[in-house]
Amino acid sequence: MTDITPPNRTSLLDRWFLAHPASVDETYLQHMRFAAGFAFWLAVAAAAAVIHALIPRLCETTASQILRKLTARMEARH
């Protein structure tokens, strides 16, 4: 007879959604908010870089300023 144990859903939930936010001392929702905001500003920086690529006079320092601010935010968290 073999022991067939059902999958541990709590463990899967923990591994996929809770472990990493807990490792940076945040809840799932706090971490989601931070990551979504970070992604938004990365998208803005990417758009500024594309605009700058097309018209070099525009958005000359926008992307680099955003990236510096994001880097400072990330370093301040750890």
C-alpha atoms as a PDB file:
ATOM      1  CA  MET A   1       0.000   0.000   0.000  1.00  0.00           C
ATOM      2  CA  THR A   2       1.351   3.441  -0.881  1.00  0.00           C
ATOM      3  CA  ASP A   3       0.821   6.625   1.009  1.00  0.00           C
ATOM      4  CA  ILE A   4      -0.730   9.139  -1.384  1.00  0.00           C
ATOM      5  CA  THR A   5      -0.867  12.492   0.322  1.00  0.00           C
ATOM      6  CA  PRO A   6      -2.989  15.193  -1.307  1.00  0.00           C
ATOM      7  CA  PRO A   7      -1.086  18.305  -2.371  1.00  0.00           C
ATOM      8  CA  ASN A   8      -0.723  20.874   0.352  1.00  0.00           C
ATOM      9  CA  ARG A   9      -2.594  23.897  -0.981  1.00  0.00           C
ATOM     10  CA  THR A  10      -1.408  26.143   1.844  1.00  0.00           C
ATOM     11  CA  SER A  11       2.164  25.344   0.939  1.00  0.00           C
ATOM     12  CA  LEU A  12       1.546  26.156  -2.723  1.00  0.00           C
ATOM     13  CA  LEU A  13      -0.262  29.369  -1.785  1.00  0.00           C
ATOM     14  CA  ASP A  14       2.584  30.286   0.532  1.00  0.00           C
ATOM     15  CA  ARG A  15       5.298  29.561  -2.043  1.00  0.00           C
ATOM     16  CA  TRP A  16       3.640  31.419  -4.907  1.00  0.00           C
ATOM     17  CA  PHE A  17       2.016  34.381  -3.185  1.00  0.00           C
ATOM     18  CA  LEU A  18       3.116  34.903   0.398  1.00  0.00           C
ATOM     19  CA  ALA A  19       6.718  33.816   0.949  1.00  0.00           C
ATOM     20  CA  HIS A  20       8.464  36.562  -1.000  1.00  0.00           C
ATOM     21  CA  PRO A  21       6.359  39.469   0.326  1.00  0.00           C
ATOM     22  CA  ALA A  22       6.946  38.123   3.854  1.00  0.00           C
ATOM     23  CA  SER A  23      10.699  37.987   3.176  1.00  0.00           C
ATOM     24  CA  VAL A  24      10.676  41.770   2.636  1.00  0.00           C
ATOM     25  CA  ASP A  25       8.346  42.292   5.625  1.00  0.00           C
ATOM     26  CA  GLU A  26       5.225  43.114   3.589  1.00  0.00           C
ATOM     27  CA  THR A  27       1.783  41.660   3.130  1.00  0.00           C
ATOM     28  CA  TYR A  28       0.759  40.390  -0.285  1.00  0.00           C
ATOM     29  CA  LEU A  29      -1.256  43.553  -0.989  1.00  0.00           C
ATOM     30  CA  GLN A  30       1.525  45.887   0.173  1.00  0.00           C
ATOM     31  CA  HIS A  31       3.978  44.090  -2.069  1.00  0.00           C
ATOM     32  CA  MET A  32       1.565  44.106  -5.004  1.00  0.00           C
ATOM     33  CA  ARG A  33       1.064  47.857  -4.622  1.00  0.00           C
ATOM     34  CA  PHE A  34       4.792  48.541  -4.503  1.00  0.00           C
ATOM     35  CA  ALA A  35       5.555  46.272  -7.473  1.00  0.00           C
ATOM     36  CA  ALA A  36       2.696  47.714  -9.557  1.00  0.00           C
ATOM     37  CA  GLY A  37       3.859  51.260  -8.843  1.00  0.00           C
ATOM     38  CA  PHE A  38       7.412  50.284  -9.711  1.00  0.00           C
ATOM     39  CA  ALA A  39       6.206  48.734 -12.990  1.00  0.00           C
ATOM     40  CA  PHE A  40       4.217  51.864 -13.814  1.00  0.00           C
ATOM     41  CA  TRP A  41       7.279  54.107 -13.435  1.00  0.00           C
ATOM     42  CA  LEU A  42       9.417  51.682 -15.440  1.00  0.00           C
ATOM     43  CA  ALA A  43       6.838  51.924 -18.247  1.00  0.00           C
ATOM     44  CA  VAL A  44       6.926  55.728 -18.049  1.00  0.00           C
ATOM     45  CA  ALA A  45      10.735  55.635 -18.218  1.00  0.00           C
ATOM     46  CA  ALA A  46      10.563  53.299 -21.219  1.00  0.00           C
ATOM     47  CA  ALA A  47       8.110  55.608 -22.993  1.00  0.00           C
ATOM     48  CA  ALA A  48      10.379  58.597 -22.291  1.00  0.00           C
ATOM     49  CA  ALA A  49      13.340  56.674 -23.710  1.00  0.00           C
ATOM     50  CA  VAL A  50      11.375  55.855 -26.886  1.00  0.00           C
ATOM     51  CA  ILE A  51      10.337  59.498 -27.267  1.00  0.00           C
ATOM     52  CA  HIS A  52      13.962  60.538 -26.760  1.00  0.00           C
ATOM     53  CA  ALA A  53      15.099  58.007 -29.368  1.00  0.00           C
ATOM     54  CA  LEU A  54      12.714  59.508 -31.916  1.00  0.00           C
ATOM     55  CA  ILE A  55      13.250  63.172 -31.017  1.00  0.00           C
ATOM     56  CA  PRO A  56      16.553  63.561 -29.120  1.00  0.00           C
ATOM     57  CA  ARG A  57      15.716  67.049 -27.835  1.00  0.00           C
ATOM     58  CA  LEU A  58      12.722  65.694 -25.858  1.00  0.00           C
ATOM     59  CA  CYS A  59      12.944  63.779 -22.581  1.00  0.00           C
ATOM     60  CA  GLU A  60      16.718  64.160 -22.416  1.00  0.00           C
ATOM     61  CA  THR A  61      17.021  63.136 -18.770  1.00  0.00           C
ATOM     62  CA  THR A  62      13.547  61.847 -17.924  1.00  0.00           C
ATOM     63  CA  ALA A  63      14.295  58.128 -18.060  1.00  0.00           C
ATOM     64  CA  SER A  64      17.542  58.406 -16.116  1.00  0.00           C
ATOM     65  CA  GLN A  65      15.903  60.563 -13.427  1.00  0.00           C
ATOM     66  CA  ILE A  66      13.099  58.030 -13.000  1.00  0.00           C
ATOM     67  CA  LEU A  67      15.571  55.153 -12.812  1.00  0.00           C
ATOM     68  CA  ARG A  68      17.650  56.966 -10.169  1.00  0.00           C
ATOM     69  CA  LYS A  69      14.525  57.538  -8.060  1.00  0.00           C
ATOM     70  CA  LEU A  70      13.428  53.925  -8.431  1.00  0.00           C
ATOM     71  CA  THR A  71      16.887  52.697  -7.478  1.00  0.00           C
ATOM     72  CA  ALA A  72      16.860  54.908  -4.377  1.00  0.00           C
ATOM     73  CA  ARG A  73      13.407  53.581  -3.407  1.00  0.00           C
ATOM     74  CA  MET A  74      14.556  49.991  -3.824  1.00  0.00           C
ATOM     75  CA  GLU A  75      17.741  50.519  -1.811  1.00  0.00           C
ATOM     76  CA  ALA A  76      15.820  52.280   0.971  1.00  0.00           C
ATOM     77  CA  ARG A  77      13.573  49.223   1.402  1.00  0.00           C
ATOM     78  CA  HIS A  78      16.373  46.783   2.142  1.00  0.00           C
END
